[in-house]
N, C-alpha and C. Protein backbone atom coordinates (compact mmCIF):
# COMPACT_ATOMS: atom_id res chain seq x y z
N MET A 1 91.61 88.91 111.40
CA MET A 1 90.75 90.08 111.21
C MET A 1 89.72 90.16 112.34
N GLU A 2 89.21 89.01 112.77
CA GLU A 2 88.21 89.01 113.83
C GLU A 2 88.79 89.61 115.12
N ALA A 3 90.04 89.27 115.42
CA ALA A 3 90.68 89.83 116.61
C ALA A 3 90.84 91.34 116.48
N ARG A 4 91.17 91.80 115.28
CA ARG A 4 91.33 93.25 115.07
C ARG A 4 89.99 93.97 115.19
N LEU A 5 88.93 93.33 114.71
CA LEU A 5 87.60 93.93 114.85
C LEU A 5 87.24 94.05 116.33
N ARG A 6 87.56 93.01 117.11
CA ARG A 6 87.31 93.08 118.54
C ARG A 6 88.13 94.20 119.17
N LEU A 7 89.39 94.35 118.73
CA LEU A 7 90.24 95.43 119.24
C LEU A 7 89.60 96.78 118.95
N LEU A 8 89.07 96.94 117.75
CA LEU A 8 88.40 98.19 117.41
C LEU A 8 87.22 98.44 118.32
N LYS A 9 86.42 97.41 118.58
CA LYS A 9 85.24 97.58 119.43
C LYS A 9 85.62 97.86 120.87
N VAL A 10 86.66 97.17 121.36
CA VAL A 10 87.12 97.38 122.73
C VAL A 10 87.56 98.82 122.93
N ARG A 11 88.21 99.38 121.96
CA ARG A 11 88.71 100.75 122.08
C ARG A 11 87.64 101.77 121.71
N GLY A 12 86.42 101.32 121.53
CA GLY A 12 85.34 102.25 121.25
C GLY A 12 85.36 102.79 119.84
N GLN A 13 85.98 102.08 118.93
CA GLN A 13 86.09 102.55 117.56
C GLN A 13 85.42 101.56 116.61
N ALA A 14 84.22 101.10 116.95
CA ALA A 14 83.52 100.12 116.10
C ALA A 14 83.47 100.62 114.67
N MET A 15 83.72 99.70 113.75
CA MET A 15 83.77 100.06 112.33
C MET A 15 82.37 100.38 111.80
N GLU A 16 82.24 101.47 111.11
CA GLU A 16 80.99 101.85 110.49
C GLU A 16 80.74 100.95 109.28
N GLN A 17 79.45 100.80 108.94
CA GLN A 17 79.09 99.95 107.81
C GLN A 17 79.54 100.53 106.48
N ASN A 18 79.26 101.79 106.24
CA ASN A 18 79.58 102.40 104.96
C ASN A 18 80.42 103.65 105.16
N TRP A 19 81.39 103.80 104.29
CA TRP A 19 82.22 104.99 104.31
C TRP A 19 81.81 105.90 103.17
N SER A 20 81.87 107.18 103.41
CA SER A 20 81.60 108.15 102.35
C SER A 20 82.78 108.18 101.39
N ALA A 21 82.54 108.72 100.21
CA ALA A 21 83.63 108.89 99.24
C ALA A 21 84.71 109.77 99.85
N ALA A 22 84.32 110.79 100.59
CA ALA A 22 85.29 111.70 101.20
C ALA A 22 86.20 110.96 102.17
N ARG A 23 85.63 110.10 102.98
CA ARG A 23 86.47 109.36 103.93
C ARG A 23 87.40 108.40 103.19
N CYS A 24 86.91 107.75 102.15
CA CYS A 24 87.76 106.86 101.36
C CYS A 24 88.94 107.64 100.77
N HIS A 25 88.66 108.80 100.17
CA HIS A 25 89.73 109.63 99.62
C HIS A 25 90.72 110.02 100.73
N TYR A 26 90.21 110.47 101.85
CA TYR A 26 91.06 110.92 102.95
C TYR A 26 92.02 109.81 103.38
N VAL A 27 91.50 108.60 103.57
CA VAL A 27 92.33 107.49 104.02
C VAL A 27 93.39 107.14 102.98
N VAL A 28 93.02 107.13 101.71
CA VAL A 28 94.00 106.82 100.65
C VAL A 28 95.12 107.86 100.66
N TYR A 29 94.76 109.13 100.73
CA TYR A 29 95.78 110.18 100.70
C TYR A 29 96.62 110.20 101.97
N PHE A 30 96.01 109.94 103.11
CA PHE A 30 96.75 109.85 104.37
C PHE A 30 97.77 108.73 104.27
N THR A 31 97.35 107.58 103.73
CA THR A 31 98.25 106.44 103.60
C THR A 31 99.39 106.74 102.63
N ALA A 32 99.10 107.50 101.57
CA ALA A 32 100.18 107.91 100.66
C ALA A 32 101.23 108.70 101.42
N MET A 33 100.78 109.59 102.29
CA MET A 33 101.70 110.41 103.07
C MET A 33 102.49 109.55 104.06
N TYR A 34 101.86 108.55 104.64
CA TYR A 34 102.45 107.81 105.74
C TYR A 34 103.08 106.48 105.34
N CYS A 35 102.94 106.04 104.10
CA CYS A 35 103.31 104.66 103.75
C CYS A 35 104.79 104.35 103.95
N ASP A 36 105.65 105.34 104.00
CA ASP A 36 107.06 105.06 104.28
C ASP A 36 107.38 105.26 105.76
N GLU A 37 106.37 105.54 106.56
CA GLU A 37 106.48 105.73 108.01
C GLU A 37 107.44 106.86 108.41
N ASP A 38 107.72 107.71 107.46
CA ASP A 38 108.59 108.87 107.70
C ASP A 38 107.97 110.05 106.96
N VAL A 39 107.09 110.75 107.63
CA VAL A 39 106.36 111.83 106.98
C VAL A 39 107.24 113.07 106.91
N ALA A 40 107.69 113.36 105.70
CA ALA A 40 108.50 114.56 105.48
C ALA A 40 107.59 115.79 105.50
N PRO A 41 108.12 116.94 105.89
CA PRO A 41 107.31 118.16 105.90
C PRO A 41 106.67 118.45 104.54
N GLN A 42 107.38 118.14 103.46
CA GLN A 42 106.83 118.38 102.12
C GLN A 42 105.63 117.48 101.84
N GLU A 43 105.70 116.22 102.33
CA GLU A 43 104.57 115.30 102.16
C GLU A 43 103.37 115.76 102.97
N GLN A 44 103.63 116.21 104.19
CA GLN A 44 102.56 116.73 105.06
C GLN A 44 101.89 117.93 104.40
N ALA A 45 102.70 118.83 103.86
CA ALA A 45 102.15 120.02 103.20
C ALA A 45 101.35 119.65 101.96
N ALA A 46 101.85 118.70 101.18
CA ALA A 46 101.13 118.25 99.98
C ALA A 46 99.80 117.61 100.36
N PHE A 47 99.80 116.80 101.40
CA PHE A 47 98.58 116.16 101.89
C PHE A 47 97.56 117.21 102.35
N GLU A 48 98.01 118.15 103.16
CA GLU A 48 97.10 119.17 103.68
C GLU A 48 96.52 120.04 102.58
N ALA A 49 97.34 120.37 101.60
CA ALA A 49 96.85 121.16 100.46
C ALA A 49 95.83 120.37 99.66
N LEU A 50 96.08 119.10 99.50
CA LEU A 50 95.17 118.24 98.74
C LEU A 50 93.82 118.11 99.45
N VAL A 51 93.85 117.96 100.75
CA VAL A 51 92.61 117.85 101.52
C VAL A 51 91.75 119.10 101.33
N ARG A 52 92.38 120.24 101.21
CA ARG A 52 91.63 121.48 100.99
C ARG A 52 91.15 121.63 99.55
N ARG A 53 91.74 120.85 98.63
CA ARG A 53 91.47 121.01 97.21
C ARG A 53 90.50 119.97 96.63
N VAL A 54 90.48 118.76 97.17
CA VAL A 54 89.65 117.69 96.62
C VAL A 54 88.18 118.00 96.91
N PRO A 55 87.34 118.09 95.88
CA PRO A 55 85.96 118.54 96.07
C PRO A 55 85.17 117.78 97.13
N CYS A 56 85.24 116.45 97.15
CA CYS A 56 84.41 115.71 98.10
C CYS A 56 84.87 115.90 99.55
N ILE A 57 86.11 116.27 99.76
CA ILE A 57 86.61 116.54 101.12
C ILE A 57 86.45 118.01 101.46
N ARG A 58 86.76 118.87 100.52
CA ARG A 58 86.72 120.32 100.71
C ARG A 58 85.35 120.79 101.19
N GLU A 59 84.31 120.10 100.78
CA GLU A 59 82.95 120.51 101.12
C GLU A 59 82.54 120.13 102.54
N LEU A 60 83.38 119.37 103.23
CA LEU A 60 83.06 118.93 104.58
C LEU A 60 83.38 120.00 105.61
N SER A 61 82.75 119.87 106.75
CA SER A 61 83.04 120.80 107.85
C SER A 61 84.42 120.49 108.42
N ASP A 62 85.01 121.47 109.07
CA ASP A 62 86.30 121.27 109.73
C ASP A 62 86.19 120.17 110.78
N GLU A 63 85.05 120.09 111.44
CA GLU A 63 84.83 119.07 112.47
C GLU A 63 84.86 117.66 111.87
N THR A 64 84.24 117.49 110.72
CA THR A 64 84.23 116.18 110.06
C THR A 64 85.63 115.79 109.61
N ILE A 65 86.35 116.74 109.04
CA ILE A 65 87.72 116.46 108.61
C ILE A 65 88.59 116.11 109.81
N GLU A 66 88.42 116.82 110.90
CA GLU A 66 89.17 116.52 112.12
C GLU A 66 88.83 115.12 112.63
N ASN A 67 87.58 114.72 112.51
CA ASN A 67 87.16 113.38 112.90
C ASN A 67 87.84 112.33 112.02
N PHE A 68 87.88 112.56 110.70
CA PHE A 68 88.60 111.65 109.80
C PHE A 68 90.06 111.53 110.23
N LYS A 69 90.66 112.68 110.54
CA LYS A 69 92.07 112.71 110.93
C LYS A 69 92.30 111.88 112.18
N LYS A 70 91.47 112.05 113.18
CA LYS A 70 91.63 111.32 114.44
C LYS A 70 91.44 109.82 114.23
N ARG A 71 90.42 109.44 113.48
CA ARG A 71 90.16 108.02 113.25
C ARG A 71 91.29 107.37 112.44
N THR A 72 91.77 108.07 111.44
CA THR A 72 92.83 107.52 110.60
C THR A 72 94.13 107.46 111.37
N GLN A 73 94.44 108.46 112.15
CA GLN A 73 95.66 108.44 112.98
C GLN A 73 95.57 107.33 114.00
N TRP A 74 94.39 107.13 114.59
CA TRP A 74 94.22 106.04 115.55
C TRP A 74 94.49 104.70 114.87
N ALA A 75 93.95 104.48 113.69
CA ALA A 75 94.18 103.23 112.95
C ALA A 75 95.67 103.05 112.66
N CYS A 76 96.31 104.14 112.30
CA CYS A 76 97.75 104.11 112.03
C CYS A 76 98.51 103.70 113.29
N ASP A 77 98.21 104.34 114.40
CA ASP A 77 98.88 104.05 115.67
C ASP A 77 98.60 102.62 116.14
N ALA A 78 97.43 102.08 115.80
CA ALA A 78 97.04 100.73 116.20
C ALA A 78 97.55 99.66 115.24
N GLY A 79 98.28 100.07 114.20
CA GLY A 79 98.80 99.11 113.23
C GLY A 79 97.74 98.61 112.26
N LEU A 80 96.69 99.38 112.07
CA LEU A 80 95.57 98.96 111.22
C LEU A 80 95.46 99.75 109.92
N LEU A 81 96.51 100.48 109.56
CA LEU A 81 96.42 101.35 108.39
C LEU A 81 96.24 100.55 107.09
N ASP A 82 96.87 99.38 106.98
CA ASP A 82 96.70 98.57 105.77
C ASP A 82 95.24 98.15 105.59
N GLU A 83 94.60 97.78 106.69
CA GLU A 83 93.18 97.40 106.63
C GLU A 83 92.32 98.59 106.24
N GLU A 84 92.66 99.76 106.78
CA GLU A 84 91.92 100.97 106.44
C GLU A 84 92.08 101.30 104.96
N LEU A 85 93.30 101.13 104.44
CA LEU A 85 93.54 101.39 103.03
C LEU A 85 92.74 100.44 102.16
N GLU A 86 92.74 99.16 102.50
CA GLU A 86 91.97 98.17 101.72
C GLU A 86 90.49 98.55 101.70
N ARG A 87 89.99 98.93 102.85
CA ARG A 87 88.59 99.31 102.94
C ARG A 87 88.30 100.57 102.12
N ALA A 88 89.20 101.53 102.19
CA ALA A 88 89.02 102.77 101.43
C ALA A 88 89.05 102.51 99.93
N LEU A 89 90.02 101.72 99.48
CA LEU A 89 90.12 101.43 98.04
C LEU A 89 88.91 100.66 97.54
N SER A 90 88.41 99.74 98.35
CA SER A 90 87.23 98.98 97.92
C SER A 90 85.96 99.83 97.97
N GLY A 91 85.99 100.91 98.75
CA GLY A 91 84.82 101.77 98.86
C GLY A 91 84.75 102.87 97.81
N LEU A 92 85.82 103.02 97.05
CA LEU A 92 85.81 104.05 96.01
C LEU A 92 85.09 103.52 94.77
N ASN A 93 84.13 104.26 94.31
CA ASN A 93 83.46 103.94 93.05
C ASN A 93 84.06 104.82 91.98
N ALA A 94 85.32 104.54 91.66
CA ALA A 94 86.07 105.44 90.80
C ALA A 94 85.90 105.07 89.33
N ASP A 95 85.41 106.03 88.56
CA ASP A 95 85.43 105.86 87.11
C ASP A 95 86.86 106.09 86.65
N THR A 96 87.10 105.99 85.38
CA THR A 96 88.46 106.09 84.86
C THR A 96 89.11 107.42 85.21
N VAL A 97 88.42 108.51 84.98
CA VAL A 97 89.00 109.84 85.25
C VAL A 97 89.25 110.02 86.74
N THR A 98 88.32 109.62 87.57
CA THR A 98 88.49 109.76 89.02
C THR A 98 89.64 108.88 89.49
N GLY A 99 89.74 107.67 88.97
CA GLY A 99 90.83 106.77 89.34
C GLY A 99 92.18 107.37 88.98
N LEU A 100 92.28 107.95 87.79
CA LEU A 100 93.53 108.59 87.38
C LEU A 100 93.86 109.77 88.29
N SER A 101 92.84 110.53 88.67
CA SER A 101 93.03 111.68 89.55
C SER A 101 93.52 111.22 90.93
N ILE A 102 92.91 110.19 91.47
CA ILE A 102 93.33 109.66 92.77
C ILE A 102 94.78 109.19 92.70
N TYR A 103 95.10 108.47 91.63
CA TYR A 103 96.47 107.97 91.47
C TYR A 103 97.45 109.15 91.37
N ALA A 104 97.11 110.15 90.59
CA ALA A 104 97.98 111.32 90.44
C ALA A 104 98.15 112.05 91.78
N ASN A 105 97.09 112.18 92.55
CA ASN A 105 97.19 112.83 93.85
C ASN A 105 98.13 112.07 94.78
N CYS A 106 98.03 110.75 94.77
CA CYS A 106 98.92 109.93 95.59
C CYS A 106 100.37 110.09 95.13
N ALA A 107 100.58 110.06 93.82
CA ALA A 107 101.93 110.22 93.27
C ALA A 107 102.51 111.59 93.66
N ASP A 108 101.68 112.59 93.68
CA ASP A 108 102.11 113.93 94.05
C ASP A 108 102.56 113.98 95.52
N ILE A 109 101.77 113.40 96.40
CA ILE A 109 102.13 113.38 97.82
C ILE A 109 103.45 112.64 98.03
N ILE A 110 103.56 111.47 97.44
CA ILE A 110 104.76 110.64 97.62
C ILE A 110 106.01 111.32 97.09
N ARG A 111 105.89 112.03 95.98
CA ARG A 111 107.05 112.66 95.36
C ARG A 111 107.38 114.03 95.94
N ALA A 112 106.58 114.50 96.87
CA ALA A 112 106.80 115.84 97.42
C ALA A 112 108.16 115.99 98.08
N ASP A 113 108.67 114.93 98.69
CA ASP A 113 109.99 115.02 99.33
C ASP A 113 111.14 114.62 98.41
N ARG A 114 110.80 114.37 97.14
CA ARG A 114 111.79 114.04 96.09
C ARG A 114 112.53 112.74 96.37
N LYS A 115 111.94 111.85 97.15
CA LYS A 115 112.52 110.54 97.43
C LYS A 115 111.43 109.48 97.22
N ILE A 116 111.80 108.40 96.58
CA ILE A 116 110.87 107.29 96.37
C ILE A 116 111.45 106.07 97.08
N ARG A 117 110.73 105.59 98.08
CA ARG A 117 111.17 104.42 98.84
C ARG A 117 110.41 103.18 98.37
N SER A 118 110.93 102.01 98.68
CA SER A 118 110.30 100.76 98.22
C SER A 118 108.88 100.62 98.78
N SER A 119 108.64 101.08 100.00
CA SER A 119 107.28 101.00 100.57
C SER A 119 106.32 101.90 99.78
N GLU A 120 106.82 103.01 99.26
CA GLU A 120 105.98 103.90 98.46
C GLU A 120 105.67 103.28 97.10
N VAL A 121 106.63 102.58 96.54
CA VAL A 121 106.40 101.87 95.27
C VAL A 121 105.34 100.78 95.48
N ARG A 122 105.44 100.04 96.58
CA ARG A 122 104.44 99.00 96.88
C ARG A 122 103.05 99.62 97.06
N PHE A 123 103.00 100.75 97.76
CA PHE A 123 101.72 101.45 97.94
C PHE A 123 101.12 101.84 96.58
N MET A 124 101.93 102.43 95.72
CA MET A 124 101.44 102.86 94.41
C MET A 124 101.01 101.66 93.56
N ASP A 125 101.71 100.53 93.68
CA ASP A 125 101.30 99.31 92.99
C ASP A 125 99.91 98.88 93.45
N LYS A 126 99.70 98.92 94.75
CA LYS A 126 98.41 98.52 95.32
C LYS A 126 97.29 99.45 94.83
N VAL A 127 97.54 100.75 94.83
CA VAL A 127 96.54 101.72 94.40
C VAL A 127 96.24 101.55 92.91
N SER A 128 97.29 101.41 92.10
CA SER A 128 97.06 101.28 90.65
C SER A 128 96.28 100.01 90.33
N LYS A 129 96.59 98.94 91.03
CA LYS A 129 95.85 97.68 90.80
C LYS A 129 94.39 97.83 91.21
N ALA A 130 94.15 98.41 92.37
CA ALA A 130 92.78 98.57 92.87
C ALA A 130 91.95 99.48 91.96
N LEU A 131 92.59 100.49 91.39
CA LEU A 131 91.87 101.45 90.55
C LEU A 131 91.93 101.11 89.06
N GLY A 132 92.64 100.05 88.72
CA GLY A 132 92.72 99.62 87.32
C GLY A 132 93.47 100.60 86.42
N ILE A 133 94.57 101.15 86.93
CA ILE A 133 95.35 102.12 86.15
C ILE A 133 96.30 101.36 85.22
N PRO A 134 96.16 101.53 83.91
CA PRO A 134 97.08 100.86 82.98
C PRO A 134 98.51 101.37 83.15
N GLU A 135 99.47 100.50 82.90
CA GLU A 135 100.89 100.82 83.10
C GLU A 135 101.32 102.06 82.33
N MET A 136 100.85 102.21 81.10
CA MET A 136 101.25 103.37 80.29
C MET A 136 100.79 104.68 80.95
N GLN A 137 99.55 104.71 81.42
CA GLN A 137 99.04 105.91 82.07
C GLN A 137 99.73 106.14 83.42
N ARG A 138 100.00 105.07 84.11
CA ARG A 138 100.71 105.16 85.38
C ARG A 138 102.08 105.81 85.17
N ALA A 139 102.82 105.34 84.18
CA ALA A 139 104.15 105.87 83.90
C ALA A 139 104.10 107.35 83.53
N LEU A 140 103.09 107.74 82.76
CA LEU A 140 102.94 109.13 82.36
C LEU A 140 102.64 110.02 83.57
N ILE A 141 101.74 109.58 84.42
CA ILE A 141 101.41 110.34 85.64
C ILE A 141 102.65 110.50 86.51
N GLU A 142 103.38 109.43 86.69
CA GLU A 142 104.58 109.49 87.53
C GLU A 142 105.63 110.44 86.95
N LYS A 143 105.77 110.43 85.63
CA LYS A 143 106.72 111.33 84.97
C LYS A 143 106.32 112.79 85.20
N VAL A 144 105.05 113.08 85.06
CA VAL A 144 104.56 114.45 85.28
C VAL A 144 104.77 114.87 86.74
N MET A 145 104.46 113.99 87.68
CA MET A 145 104.61 114.33 89.09
C MET A 145 106.09 114.46 89.48
N ASP A 146 106.95 113.66 88.85
CA ASP A 146 108.39 113.84 89.09
C ASP A 146 108.82 115.24 88.66
N ALA A 147 108.37 115.65 87.47
CA ALA A 147 108.74 116.97 86.96
C ALA A 147 108.15 118.07 87.85
N LYS A 148 106.93 117.92 88.27
CA LYS A 148 106.26 118.91 89.11
C LYS A 148 107.01 119.12 90.42
N ASN A 149 107.44 118.04 91.02
CA ASN A 149 108.07 118.12 92.34
C ASN A 149 109.58 118.32 92.28
N ARG A 150 110.12 118.40 91.10
CA ARG A 150 111.56 118.63 90.95
C ARG A 150 111.91 120.08 91.27
N HIS A 151 110.98 120.99 91.10
CA HIS A 151 111.26 122.41 91.25
C HIS A 151 110.68 122.97 92.51
């Protein structure tokens, strides 16, 4: 991790001390879209629609959202997306309802292309564990998102 932190500083991308809730949400949703490393057009569209719909992100300026996009894409290109996801998940102060909403949003993005890959299952496992989503609620959310994206 120390070497990666140095890499971030060398490239002029020193890590900020605190992330806003909006940035945490953005990184989690970006990772949902990218976790299989094959971003389908449907996943991209679901992600972009979500960014416009989530209250804490929607209220930001276009410039701030573009900044999030550039920083997150840079981390992705640098092979640091897992670290960014860990940081984002640990930075979310999600109550039960917010946690369920975040999980459902991720499930929606992943299911947009109607394919579930093993990397996407691992991603959802990580998110559910970090947010404390019980298995029964997780299964229900996934069933609803499967039905939503079937049509």
